[in-house]
């Protein structure tokens, strides 16, 4: 089926109207190209990406945004593939996005993501896209948010945002989703070790994967441990009490319970008004993040800063100039530039 905007496809660039129409029609090819446009560093592409995002904005916000993270070896890819399959069986269109602040060197690979989720990659109701480490529209967080909005405008009902890196990425993802799911293992020693308290506090659900075979009894014991641990944390503003669930992504058991849990949390937070308020606060935080990134970029790209920075850095390195004094001196030069 050839759509009107496909006549442009052989050319290197689509018109803004073609991007908008293609995304809103759910055209996967145009969606992919729109995402690439948002990743571009070219000034003309940045302007066009902003126009596209502004136009599709009224069609965003209708998905369930789910963040998924987990300890190494937890079987995250297998879980996402199995759980994603269940979501699409519920007649939902699913987009899987990855976020990895640590991938500056590798830049990520769509082939890698599709290779580790072969079944989901072939699913007509699923779309998999990795997040670039940086972009002209902002850092990892901004870029992933832009992709999320494009996917929502393209008609995706559920968005999985998977953390690939560790530490910083969990906080980034938590700040852009409605439900934060933490995958854990049982039977690997002290289950509460190796996971930061802050990440546990962010979780709306702790899901113990690989609860199958000889590991079932250990998984049940771990469930009690996690339930006890979660009770120690103060309840947050959402009013939702984090739950602990067991599943086996390999055997595809326990997945229905997790989906029902997410739907329950969505209903509860919408009834209390937290859902809408949280979405609004996330938008404001996104604005602040973008301002910070744009200011930092303008600062380092300034000719006066590029001229003064090497000598001042030498003085700081040699211990001749306090870092705060140096920062104030540079900021003064930046603000007084002509």
C-alpha atoms as a PDB file:
ATOM      1  CA  UNK A   1       0.000   0.000   0.000  1.00  0.00           C
ATOM      2  CA  UNK A   2       1.540   3.272  -1.185  1.00  0.00           C
ATOM      3  CA  UNK A   3       0.554   6.252   0.906  1.00  0.00           C
ATOM      4  CA  UNK A   4       0.711   9.860  -0.406  1.00  0.00           C
ATOM      5  CA  UNK A   5       3.958  10.720   1.382  1.00  0.00           C
ATOM      6  CA  UNK A   6       5.719   7.579   0.083  1.00  0.00           C
ATOM      7  CA  UNK A   7       6.398   9.342  -3.212  1.00  0.00           C
ATOM      8  CA  UNK A   8       9.037  11.348  -1.320  1.00  0.00           C
ATOM      9  CA  UNK A   9      10.698   8.367   0.288  1.00  0.00           C
ATOM     10  CA  UNK A  10      13.457   8.028  -2.287  1.00  0.00           C
ATOM     11  CA  UNK A  11      14.574  11.561  -1.570  1.00  0.00           C
ATOM     12  CA  UNK A  12      16.791  12.175   1.425  1.00  0.00           C
ATOM     13  CA  UNK A  13      14.324  14.391   3.246  1.00  0.00           C
ATOM     14  CA  UNK A  14      10.576  14.498   3.821  1.00  0.00           C
ATOM     15  CA  UNK A  15       8.513  17.651   4.136  1.00  0.00           C
ATOM     16  CA  UNK A  16       7.261  18.581   7.589  1.00  0.00           C
ATOM     17  CA  UNK A  17       3.727  17.806   6.436  1.00  0.00           C
ATOM     18  CA  UNK A  18       4.783  14.364   5.229  1.00  0.00           C
ATOM     19  CA  UNK A  19       6.402  13.615   8.599  1.00  0.00           C
ATOM     20  CA  UNK A  20       3.293  14.752  10.470  1.00  0.00           C
ATOM     21  CA  UNK A  21       0.830  12.871   8.258  1.00  0.00           C
ATOM     22  CA  UNK A  22       2.965   9.739   8.251  1.00  0.00           C
ATOM     23  CA  UNK A  23       3.388   9.647  12.030  1.00  0.00           C
ATOM     24  CA  UNK A  24      -0.312  10.285  12.679  1.00  0.00           C
ATOM     25  CA  UNK A  25      -1.200   7.526  10.197  1.00  0.00           C
ATOM     26  CA  UNK A  26       0.990   5.089  12.139  1.00  0.00           C
ATOM     27  CA  UNK A  27       3.395   4.584   9.226  1.00  0.00           C
ATOM     28  CA  UNK A  28       6.385   2.731  10.724  1.00  0.00           C
ATOM     29  CA  UNK A  29       8.816   3.908   8.040  1.00  0.00           C
ATOM     30  CA  UNK A  30       7.929   7.570   8.526  1.00  0.00           C
ATOM     31  CA  UNK A  31       7.939   7.132  12.318  1.00  0.00           C
ATOM     32  CA  UNK A  32      11.477   5.734  12.168  1.00  0.00           C
ATOM     33  CA  UNK A  33      12.583   8.637   9.989  1.00  0.00           C
ATOM     34  CA  UNK A  34      10.918  11.143  12.306  1.00  0.00           C
ATOM     35  CA  UNK A  35      12.837   9.633  15.219  1.00  0.00           C
ATOM     36  CA  UNK A  36      16.068   9.917  13.232  1.00  0.00           C
ATOM     37  CA  UNK A  37      15.193  13.548  12.529  1.00  0.00           C
ATOM     38  CA  UNK A  38      14.952  14.194  16.292  1.00  0.00           C
ATOM     39  CA  UNK A  39      18.414  12.664  16.714  1.00  0.00           C
ATOM     40  CA  UNK A  40      20.004  14.919  14.114  1.00  0.00           C
ATOM     41  CA  UNK A  41      22.481  17.661  15.028  1.00  0.00           C
ATOM     42  CA  UNK A  42      21.816  19.726  11.901  1.00  0.00           C
ATOM     43  CA  UNK A  43      20.158  23.080  12.714  1.00  0.00           C
ATOM     44  CA  UNK A  44      17.596  22.717   9.922  1.00  0.00           C
ATOM     45  CA  UNK A  45      16.680  19.237  11.167  1.00  0.00           C
ATOM     46  CA  UNK A  46      16.330  20.517  14.725  1.00  0.00           C
ATOM     47  CA  UNK A  47      13.893  23.188  13.557  1.00  0.00           C
ATOM     48  CA  UNK A  48      11.907  20.677  11.514  1.00  0.00           C
ATOM     49  CA  UNK A  49      11.832  18.166  14.399  1.00  0.00           C
ATOM     50  CA  UNK A  50      10.441  20.875  16.671  1.00  0.00           C
ATOM     51  CA  UNK A  51       7.715  21.641  14.115  1.00  0.00           C
ATOM     52  CA  UNK A  52       6.785  17.964  13.834  1.00  0.00           C
ATOM     53  CA  UNK A  53       6.663  17.492  17.612  1.00  0.00           C
ATOM     54  CA  UNK A  54       4.544  20.612  18.062  1.00  0.00           C
ATOM     55  CA  UNK A  55       2.062  19.423  15.424  1.00  0.00           C
ATOM     56  CA  UNK A  56       1.660  15.898  16.840  1.00  0.00           C
ATOM     57  CA  UNK A  57       1.565  17.021  20.496  1.00  0.00           C
ATOM     58  CA  UNK A  58      -2.275  17.086  20.704  1.00  0.00           C
ATOM     59  CA  UNK A  59      -2.271  13.396  19.732  1.00  0.00           C
ATOM     60  CA  UNK A  60       0.096  12.317  22.537  1.00  0.00           C
ATOM     61  CA  UNK A  61      -0.403  11.254  26.142  1.00  0.00           C
ATOM     62  CA  UNK A  62      -2.786   8.368  25.545  1.00  0.00           C
ATOM     63  CA  UNK A  63      -0.437   5.482  26.286  1.00  0.00           C
ATOM     64  CA  UNK A  64       0.521   3.623  29.450  1.00  0.00           C
ATOM     65  CA  UNK A  65       4.192   4.446  30.023  1.00  0.00           C
ATOM     66  CA  UNK A  66       6.054   1.626  31.777  1.00  0.00           C
ATOM     67  CA  UNK A  67       9.680   1.760  32.893  1.00  0.00           C
ATOM     68  CA  UNK A  68      11.504  -1.581  33.206  1.00  0.00           C
ATOM     69  CA  UNK A  69      14.835  -2.068  34.918  1.00  0.00           C
ATOM     70  CA  UNK A  70      16.637  -4.941  36.596  1.00  0.00           C
ATOM     71  CA  UNK A  71      19.855  -6.329  37.961  1.00  0.00           C
ATOM     72  CA  UNK A  72      22.346  -7.928  35.520  1.00  0.00           C
ATOM     73  CA  UNK A  73      21.373 -11.482  34.556  1.00  0.00           C
ATOM     74  CA  UNK A  74      17.735 -11.023  35.557  1.00  0.00           C
ATOM     75  CA  UNK A  75      16.498 -11.941  32.083  1.00  0.00           C
ATOM     76  CA  UNK A  76      15.220  -8.510  31.155  1.00  0.00           C
ATOM     77  CA  UNK A  77      15.139  -9.088  27.394  1.00  0.00           C
ATOM     78  CA  UNK A  78      13.327 -12.405  27.823  1.00  0.00           C
ATOM     79  CA  UNK A  79      10.846 -10.733  30.175  1.00  0.00           C
ATOM     80  CA  UNK A  80      10.202  -7.800  27.826  1.00  0.00           C
ATOM     81  CA  UNK A  81       9.696 -10.166  24.914  1.00  0.00           C
ATOM     82  CA  UNK A  82       7.281 -12.422  26.856  1.00  0.00           C
ATOM     83  CA  UNK A  83       5.437  -9.577  28.577  1.00  0.00           C
ATOM     84  CA  UNK A  84       5.343  -7.578  25.358  1.00  0.00           C
ATOM     85  CA  UNK A  85       3.783 -10.557  23.624  1.00  0.00           C
ATOM     86  CA  UNK A  86       1.057 -10.700  26.278  1.00  0.00           C
ATOM     87  CA  UNK A  87       0.360  -6.959  25.923  1.00  0.00           C
ATOM     88  CA  UNK A  88      -0.030  -7.239  22.151  1.00  0.00           C
ATOM     89  CA  UNK A  89      -2.372 -10.228  22.658  1.00  0.00           C
ATOM     90  CA  UNK A  90      -4.591  -7.791  24.556  1.00  0.00           C
ATOM     91  CA  UNK A  91      -4.979  -5.889  21.268  1.00  0.00           C
ATOM     92  CA  UNK A  92      -2.531  -3.213  22.363  1.00  0.00           C
ATOM     93  CA  UNK A  93       0.118  -1.669  20.132  1.00  0.00           C
ATOM     94  CA  UNK A  94       3.480  -1.704  21.922  1.00  0.00           C
ATOM     95  CA  UNK A  95       6.617   0.399  21.474  1.00  0.00           C
ATOM     96  CA  UNK A  96       9.812  -0.699  23.235  1.00  0.00           C
ATOM     97  CA  UNK A  97      12.400   2.044  23.758  1.00  0.00           C
ATOM     98  CA  UNK A  98      15.783   1.634  25.408  1.00  0.00           C
ATOM     99  CA  UNK A  99      17.692   4.274  27.343  1.00  0.00           C
ATOM    100  CA  UNK A 100      21.396   3.940  28.060  1.00  0.00           C
ATOM    101  CA  UNK A 101      23.476   6.918  29.255  1.00  0.00           C
ATOM    102  CA  UNK A 102      26.543   4.646  29.352  1.00  0.00           C
ATOM    103  CA  UNK A 103      26.533   3.867  25.618  1.00  0.00           C
ATOM    104  CA  UNK A 104      28.481   6.930  24.450  1.00  0.00           C
ATOM    105  CA  UNK A 105      31.073   4.664  22.819  1.00  0.00           C
ATOM    106  CA  UNK A 106      28.795   2.033  21.289  1.00  0.00           C
ATOM    107  CA  UNK A 107      25.894   4.397  20.446  1.00  0.00           C
ATOM    108  CA  UNK A 108      23.542   1.427  20.734  1.00  0.00           C
ATOM    109  CA  UNK A 109      22.412  -0.834  17.899  1.00  0.00           C
ATOM    110  CA  UNK A 110      18.934  -1.494  16.581  1.00  0.00           C
ATOM    111  CA  UNK A 111      20.227  -4.807  15.243  1.00  0.00           C
ATOM    112  CA  UNK A 112      21.342  -5.789  18.735  1.00  0.00           C
ATOM    113  CA  UNK A 113      17.958  -4.951  20.243  1.00  0.00           C
ATOM    114  CA  UNK A 114      16.097  -6.851  17.560  1.00  0.00           C
ATOM    115  CA  UNK A 115      18.437  -9.816  17.806  1.00  0.00           C
ATOM    116  CA  UNK A 116      17.783 -10.253  21.528  1.00  0.00           C
ATOM    117  CA  UNK A 117      14.006  -9.859  21.042  1.00  0.00           C
ATOM    118  CA  UNK A 118      13.499 -11.760  17.797  1.00  0.00           C
ATOM    119  CA  UNK A 119       9.921 -12.827  18.471  1.00  0.00           C
ATOM    120  CA  UNK A 120       8.805  -9.347  19.493  1.00  0.00           C
ATOM    121  CA  UNK A 121      10.656  -7.791  16.540  1.00  0.00           C
ATOM    122  CA  UNK A 122       8.506  -9.893  14.191  1.00  0.00           C
ATOM    123  CA  UNK A 123       5.299  -8.945  16.025  1.00  0.00           C
ATOM    124  CA  UNK A 124       3.149  -6.704  13.816  1.00  0.00           C
ATOM    125  CA  UNK A 125       1.854  -4.841  16.884  1.00  0.00           C
ATOM    126  CA  UNK A 126       5.308  -4.115  18.326  1.00  0.00           C
ATOM    127  CA  UNK A 127       7.972  -1.541  17.501  1.00  0.00           C
ATOM    128  CA  UNK A 128      11.500  -1.654  18.960  1.00  0.00           C
ATOM    129  CA  UNK A 129      13.798   1.359  18.955  1.00  0.00           C
ATOM    130  CA  UNK A 130      17.015   1.999  20.924  1.00  0.00           C
ATOM    131  CA  UNK A 131      17.816   5.405  22.340  1.00  0.00           C
ATOM    132  CA  UNK A 132      20.847   7.308  21.123  1.00  0.00           C
ATOM    133  CA  UNK A 133      23.143   8.542  23.868  1.00  0.00           C
ATOM    134  CA  UNK A 134      22.843  12.174  22.940  1.00  0.00           C
ATOM    135  CA  UNK A 135      21.062  14.389  20.481  1.00  0.00           C
ATOM    136  CA  UNK A 136      20.765  17.960  19.346  1.00  0.00           C
ATOM    137  CA  UNK A 137      17.355  18.203  21.014  1.00  0.00           C
ATOM    138  CA  UNK A 138      18.909  17.350  24.356  1.00  0.00           C
ATOM    139  CA  UNK A 139      20.476  14.429  26.189  1.00  0.00           C
ATOM    140  CA  UNK A 140      19.294  10.859  26.575  1.00  0.00           C
ATOM    141  CA  UNK A 141      16.257  11.822  28.591  1.00  0.00           C
ATOM    142  CA  UNK A 142      15.015  14.489  26.178  1.00  0.00           C
ATOM    143  CA  UNK A 143      15.553  12.322  23.155  1.00  0.00           C
ATOM    144  CA  UNK A 144      13.693   9.361  24.654  1.00  0.00           C
ATOM    145  CA  UNK A 145      10.797  11.618  25.663  1.00  0.00           C
ATOM    146  CA  UNK A 146      10.585  12.914  22.096  1.00  0.00           C
ATOM    147  CA  UNK A 147      10.545   9.369  20.727  1.00  0.00           C
ATOM    148  CA  UNK A 148       7.874   8.429  23.262  1.00  0.00           C
ATOM    149  CA  UNK A 149       5.673  11.322  22.103  1.00  0.00           C
ATOM    150  CA  UNK A 150       6.131  10.351  18.447  1.00  0.00           C
ATOM    151  CA  UNK A 151       5.178   6.741  19.245  1.00  0.00           C
ATOM    152  CA  UNK A 152       2.067   7.890  21.109  1.00  0.00           C
ATOM    153  CA  UNK A 153       1.086  10.112  18.174  1.00  0.00           C
ATOM    154  CA  UNK A 154       1.571   7.084  15.904  1.00  0.00           C
ATOM    155  CA  UNK A 155      -1.058   5.193  17.898  1.00  0.00           C
ATOM    156  CA  UNK A 156       0.944   3.031  20.294  1.00  0.00           C
ATOM    157  CA  UNK A 157      -1.092   2.178  23.401  1.00  0.00           C
ATOM    158  CA  UNK A 158       1.731   0.963  25.641  1.00  0.00           C
ATOM    159  CA  UNK A 159       5.321   2.216  25.839  1.00  0.00           C
ATOM    160  CA  UNK A 160       8.049   0.158  27.523  1.00  0.00           C
ATOM    161  CA  UNK A 161      11.147   2.192  28.400  1.00  0.00           C
ATOM    162  CA  UNK A 162      13.957  -0.185  29.228  1.00  0.00           C
ATOM    163  CA  UNK A 163      17.082   0.876  31.100  1.00  0.00           C
ATOM    164  CA  UNK A 164      20.227  -0.635  29.650  1.00  0.00           C
ATOM    165  CA  UNK A 165      22.746   1.211  31.778  1.00  0.00           C
ATOM    166  CA  UNK A 166      22.742   1.265  35.570  1.00  0.00           C
ATOM    167  CA  UNK A 167      22.411   3.964  38.210  1.00  0.00           C
ATOM    168  CA  UNK A 168      21.655   7.238  36.455  1.00  0.00           C
ATOM    169  CA  UNK A 169      19.339   5.638  33.895  1.00  0.00           C
ATOM    170  CA  UNK A 170      16.839   4.406  36.507  1.00  0.00           C
ATOM    171  CA  UNK A 171      16.238   7.951  37.745  1.00  0.00           C
ATOM    172  CA  UNK A 172      15.874   9.219  34.173  1.00  0.00           C
ATOM    173  CA  UNK A 173      13.331   6.545  33.285  1.00  0.00           C
ATOM    174  CA  UNK A 174      11.372   6.946  36.517  1.00  0.00           C
ATOM    175  CA  UNK A 175      10.944  10.620  35.619  1.00  0.00           C
ATOM    176  CA  UNK A 176       9.128   9.865  32.366  1.00  0.00           C
ATOM    177  CA  UNK A 177       6.861   6.886  33.112  1.00  0.00           C
ATOM    178  CA  UNK A 178       3.598   6.123  34.914  1.00  0.00           C
ATOM    179  CA  UNK A 179       4.665   2.731  36.279  1.00  0.00           C
ATOM    180  CA  UNK A 180       8.190   1.678  37.274  1.00  0.00           C
ATOM    181  CA  UNK A 181       8.848  -2.065  37.310  1.00  0.00           C
ATOM    182  CA  UNK A 182      11.943  -3.519  38.966  1.00  0.00           C
ATOM    183  CA  UNK A 183      12.994  -7.034  37.925  1.00  0.00           C
ATOM    184  CA  UNK A 184      14.868  -9.094  40.497  1.00  0.00           C
ATOM    185  CA  UNK A 185      16.206 -12.611  40.964  1.00  0.00           C
ATOM    186  CA  UNK A 186      15.881 -15.149  43.749  1.00  0.00           C
ATOM    187  CA  UNK A 187      18.321 -17.809  44.843  1.00  0.00           C
ATOM    188  CA  UNK A 188      21.398 -15.660  44.299  1.00  0.00           C
ATOM    189  CA  UNK A 189      22.421 -15.114  47.897  1.00  0.00           C
ATOM    190  CA  UNK A 190      21.075 -12.157  49.828  1.00  0.00           C
ATOM    191  CA  UNK A 191      18.393 -10.805  47.488  1.00  0.00           C
ATOM    192  CA  UNK A 192      18.501  -7.365  49.049  1.00  0.00           C
ATOM    193  CA  UNK A 193      22.188  -6.886  48.244  1.00  0.00           C
ATOM    194  CA  UNK A 194      23.344  -5.307  45.022  1.00  0.00           C
ATOM    195  CA  UNK A 195      20.282  -3.113  44.617  1.00  0.00           C
ATOM    196  CA  UNK A 196      20.289   0.514  45.671  1.00  0.00           C
ATOM    197  CA  UNK A 197      17.733   1.627  48.220  1.00  0.00           C
ATOM    198  CA  UNK A 198      16.806   4.534  45.960  1.00  0.00           C
ATOM    199  CA  UNK A 199      15.833   2.209  43.116  1.00  0.00           C
ATOM    200  CA  UNK A 200      13.693   0.103  45.462  1.00  0.00           C
ATOM    201  CA  UNK A 201      11.948   3.274  46.614  1.00  0.00           C
ATOM    202  CA  UNK A 202      11.116   4.206  43.025  1.00  0.00           C
ATOM    203  CA  UNK A 203       9.535   0.830  42.204  1.00  0.00           C
ATOM    204  CA  UNK A 204       5.773   0.497  41.774  1.00  0.00           C
ATOM    205  CA  UNK A 205       6.291  -3.262  41.577  1.00  0.00           C
ATOM    206  CA  UNK A 206       9.114  -5.694  42.244  1.00  0.00           C
ATOM    207  CA  UNK A 207       8.857  -8.695  39.941  1.00  0.00           C
ATOM    208  CA  UNK A 208      10.916 -11.778  40.738  1.00  0.00           C
ATOM    209  CA  UNK A 209      11.740 -13.457  37.443  1.00  0.00           C
ATOM    210  CA  UNK A 210      12.839 -17.053  36.818  1.00  0.00           C
ATOM    211  CA  UNK A 211      10.327 -18.367  39.395  1.00  0.00           C
ATOM    212  CA  UNK A 212      10.326 -21.793  37.796  1.00  0.00           C
ATOM    213  CA  UNK A 213      11.732 -25.294  38.296  1.00  0.00           C
ATOM    214  CA  UNK A 214      13.966 -25.744  41.324  1.00  0.00           C
ATOM    215  CA  UNK A 215      13.955 -21.987  41.886  1.00  0.00           C
ATOM    216  CA  UNK A 216      10.266 -21.715  42.839  1.00  0.00           C
ATOM    217  CA  UNK A 217      10.724 -22.132  46.594  1.00  0.00           C
ATOM    218  CA  UNK A 218      13.578 -19.610  46.651  1.00  0.00           C
ATOM    219  CA  UNK A 219      11.413 -17.176  44.651  1.00  0.00           C
ATOM    220  CA  UNK A 220       8.589 -17.478  47.166  1.00  0.00           C
ATOM    221  CA  UNK A 221      10.972 -16.780  50.047  1.00  0.00           C
ATOM    222  CA  UNK A 222      12.410 -13.801  48.160  1.00  0.00           C
ATOM    223  CA  UNK A 223       8.883 -12.481  47.638  1.00  0.00           C
ATOM    224  CA  UNK A 224       8.346 -12.337  51.406  1.00  0.00           C
ATOM    225  CA  UNK A 225      11.742 -10.624  51.864  1.00  0.00           C
ATOM    226  CA  UNK A 226      10.888  -7.945  49.305  1.00  0.00           C
ATOM    227  CA  UNK A 227       7.412  -7.402  50.704  1.00  0.00           C
ATOM    228  CA  UNK A 228       8.929  -6.854  54.137  1.00  0.00           C
ATOM    229  CA  UNK A 229      11.548  -4.494  52.694  1.00  0.00           C
ATOM    230  CA  UNK A 230       8.981  -2.419  50.798  1.00  0.00           C
ATOM    231  CA  UNK A 231       6.947  -1.921  53.984  1.00  0.00           C
ATOM    232  CA  UNK A 232       9.919  -0.071  55.471  1.00  0.00           C
ATOM    233  CA  UNK A 233       9.711   2.661  52.849  1.00  0.00           C
ATOM    234  CA  UNK A 234       7.321   5.580  53.377  1.00  0.00           C
ATOM    235  CA  UNK A 235       4.367   5.680  50.986  1.00  0.00           C
ATOM    236  CA  UNK A 236       4.652   8.220  48.185  1.00  0.00           C
ATOM    237  CA  UNK A 237       2.177  10.823  46.932  1.00  0.00           C
ATOM    238  CA  UNK A 238       0.500   8.411  44.500  1.00  0.00           C
ATOM    239  CA  UNK A 239      -1.126   6.426  47.306  1.00  0.00           C
ATOM    240  CA  UNK A 240      -0.140   3.236  45.493  1.00  0.00           C
ATOM    241  CA  UNK A 241       1.399   0.496  47.642  1.00  0.00           C
ATOM    242  CA  UNK A 242       4.190  -1.246  45.693  1.00  0.00           C
ATOM    243  CA  UNK A 243       3.518  -4.941  45.143  1.00  0.00           C
ATOM    244  CA  UNK A 244       5.735  -7.972  44.696  1.00  0.00           C
ATOM    245  CA  UNK A 245       4.979 -10.563  42.024  1.00  0.00           C
ATOM    246  CA  UNK A 246       6.503 -13.797  40.758  1.00  0.00           C
ATOM    247  CA  UNK A 247       6.880 -14.742  37.127  1.00  0.00           C
ATOM    248  CA  UNK A 248       8.752 -16.939  34.708  1.00  0.00           C
ATOM    249  CA  UNK A 249       9.388 -15.140  31.436  1.00  0.00           C
ATOM    250  CA  UNK A 250      10.723 -18.403  30.017  1.00  0.00           C
ATOM    251  CA  UNK A 251       7.556 -20.354  30.838  1.00  0.00           C
ATOM    252  CA  UNK A 252       5.348 -17.257  30.418  1.00  0.00           C
ATOM    253  CA  UNK A 253       3.699 -17.642  33.824  1.00  0.00           C
ATOM    254  CA  UNK A 254       2.633 -14.827  36.132  1.00  0.00           C
ATOM    255  CA  UNK A 255       2.557 -12.276  33.312  1.00  0.00           C
ATOM    256  CA  UNK A 256      -1.229 -11.807  33.428  1.00  0.00           C
ATOM    257  CA  UNK A 257      -1.025 -10.857  37.109  1.00  0.00           C
ATOM    258  CA  UNK A 258       1.594  -8.200  36.340  1.00  0.00           C
ATOM    259  CA  UNK A 259      -0.538  -6.664  33.585  1.00  0.00           C
ATOM    260  CA  UNK A 260      -3.588  -6.577  35.855  1.00  0.00           C
ATOM    261  CA  UNK A 261      -1.462  -4.972  38.572  1.00  0.00           C
ATOM    262  CA  UNK A 262      -0.400  -2.203  36.172  1.00  0.00           C
ATOM    263  CA  UNK A 263      -4.014  -1.584  35.121  1.00  0.00           C
ATOM    264  CA  UNK A 264      -5.043  -1.434  38.788  1.00  0.00           C
ATOM    265  CA  UNK A 265      -2.338   1.143  39.514  1.00  0.00           C
ATOM    266  CA  UNK A 266      -3.418   3.209  36.498  1.00  0.00           C
ATOM    267  CA  UNK A 267      -7.043   3.226  37.655  1.00  0.00           C
ATOM    268  CA  UNK A 268      -6.140   4.119  41.221  1.00  0.00           C
ATOM    269  CA  UNK A 269      -3.768   6.970  40.346  1.00  0.00           C
ATOM    270  CA  UNK A 270      -6.252   8.423  37.850  1.00  0.00           C
ATOM    271  CA  UNK A 271      -9.035   8.370  40.437  1.00  0.00           C
ATOM    272  CA  UNK A 272      -6.896  10.200  43.000  1.00  0.00           C
ATOM    273  CA  UNK A 273      -5.703  12.752  40.435  1.00  0.00           C
ATOM    274  CA  UNK A 274      -2.052  11.753  40.897  1.00  0.00           C
ATOM    275  CA  UNK A 275      -1.720  10.420  37.353  1.00  0.00           C
ATOM    276  CA  UNK A 276      -2.551  13.741  35.697  1.00  0.00           C
ATOM    277  CA  UNK A 277      -0.547  15.781  38.200  1.00  0.00           C
ATOM    278  CA  UNK A 278       2.486  13.531  37.747  1.00  0.00           C
ATOM    279  CA  UNK A 279       2.306  13.847  33.951  1.00  0.00           C
ATOM    280  CA  UNK A 280       2.164  17.645  34.290  1.00  0.00           C
ATOM    281  CA  UNK A 281       5.160  17.710  36.646  1.00  0.00           C
ATOM    282  CA  UNK A 282       7.134  15.491  34.277  1.00  0.00           C
ATOM    283  CA  UNK A 283       6.486  17.975  31.469  1.00  0.00           C
ATOM    284  CA  UNK A 284       7.744  20.852  33.642  1.00  0.00           C
ATOM    285  CA  UNK A 285      10.833  18.826  34.604  1.00  0.00           C
ATOM    286  CA  UNK A 286      11.452  18.126  30.924  1.00  0.00           C
ATOM    287  CA  UNK A 287      11.352  21.883  30.255  1.00  0.00           C
ATOM    288  CA  UNK A 288      13.918  22.514  33.003  1.00  0.00           C
ATOM    289  CA  UNK A 289      16.178  19.715  31.718  1.00  0.00           C
ATOM    290  CA  UNK A 290      16.094  21.169  28.214  1.00  0.00           C
ATOM    291  CA  UNK A 291      16.880  24.666  29.469  1.00  0.00           C
ATOM    292  CA  UNK A 292      19.887  23.319  31.401  1.00  0.00           C
ATOM    293  CA  UNK A 293      21.137  21.358  28.385  1.00  0.00           C
ATOM    294  CA  UNK A 294      20.706  24.272  25.985  1.00  0.00           C
ATOM    295  CA  UNK A 295      22.437  26.699  28.345  1.00  0.00           C
ATOM    296  CA  UNK A 296      25.333  24.296  28.859  1.00  0.00           C
ATOM    297  CA  UNK A 297      25.659  23.817  25.108  1.00  0.00           C
ATOM    298  CA  UNK A 298      25.611  27.573  24.454  1.00  0.00           C
ATOM    299  CA  UNK A 299      28.184  28.108  27.223  1.00  0.00           C
ATOM    300  CA  UNK A 300      30.756  25.678  25.836  1.00  0.00           C
ATOM    301  CA  UNK A 301      30.143  26.706  22.221  1.00  0.00           C
ATOM    302  CA  UNK A 302      30.801  30.369  23.034  1.00  0.00           C
ATOM    303  CA  UNK A 303      34.007  31.713  21.470  1.00  0.00           C
ATOM    304  CA  UNK A 304      34.923  33.689  24.581  1.00  0.00           C
ATOM    305  CA  UNK A 305      34.623  30.556  26.756  1.00  0.00           C
ATOM    306  CA  UNK A 306      36.575  28.405  24.314  1.00  0.00           C
ATOM    307  CA  UNK A 307      39.325  31.012  24.399  1.00  0.00           C
ATOM    308  CA  UNK A 308      39.479  31.378  28.187  1.00  0.00           C
ATOM    309  CA  UNK A 309      38.737  27.812  29.307  1.00  0.00           C
ATOM    310  CA  UNK A 310      42.109  26.068  28.619  1.00  0.00           C
ATOM    311  CA  UNK A 311      44.153  28.507  30.742  1.00  0.00           C
ATOM    312  CA  UNK A 312      41.611  28.592  33.572  1.00  0.00           C
ATOM    313  CA  UNK A 313      41.442  24.774  33.592  1.00  0.00           C
ATOM    314  CA  UNK A 314      45.235  24.642  33.931  1.00  0.00           C
ATOM    315  CA  UNK A 315      45.034  26.961  36.939  1.00  0.00           C
ATOM    316  CA  UNK A 316      42.327  24.792  38.530  1.00  0.00           C
ATOM    317  CA  UNK A 317      44.291  21.595  37.863  1.00  0.00           C
ATOM    318  CA  UNK A 318      47.420  23.147  39.415  1.00  0.00           C
ATOM    319  CA  UNK A 319      45.476  24.182  42.491  1.00  0.00           C
ATOM    320  CA  UNK A 320      46.140  27.874  41.795  1.00  0.00           C
ATOM    321  CA  UNK A 321      42.481  28.800  41.407  1.00  0.00           C
ATOM    322  CA  UNK A 322      39.484  27.406  43.354  1.00  0.00           C
ATOM    323  CA  UNK A 323      36.947  25.696  41.084  1.00  0.00           C
ATOM    324  CA  UNK A 324      34.096  27.920  42.275  1.00  0.00           C
ATOM    325  CA  UNK A 325      36.108  31.075  41.544  1.00  0.00           C
ATOM    326  CA  UNK A 326      36.964  29.729  38.115  1.00  0.00           C
ATOM    327  CA  UNK A 327      33.330  28.930  37.368  1.00  0.00           C
ATOM    328  CA  UNK A 328      32.244  32.420  38.449  1.00  0.00           C
ATOM    329  CA  UNK A 329      34.950  34.005  36.299  1.00  0.00           C
ATOM    330  CA  UNK A 330      33.905  31.999  33.254  1.00  0.00           C
ATOM    331  CA  UNK A 331      30.223  32.715  33.824  1.00  0.00           C
ATOM    332  CA  UNK A 332      30.994  36.451  34.065  1.00  0.00           C
ATOM    333  CA  UNK A 333      32.851  36.290  30.734  1.00  0.00           C
ATOM    334  CA  UNK A 334      29.948  34.381  29.187  1.00  0.00           C
ATOM    335  CA  UNK A 335      27.275  36.834  30.381  1.00  0.00           C
ATOM    336  CA  UNK A 336      29.309  39.881  29.337  1.00  0.00           C
ATOM    337  CA  UNK A 337      30.165  38.580  25.860  1.00  0.00           C
ATOM    338  CA  UNK A 338      29.081  40.661  22.882  1.00  0.00           C
END
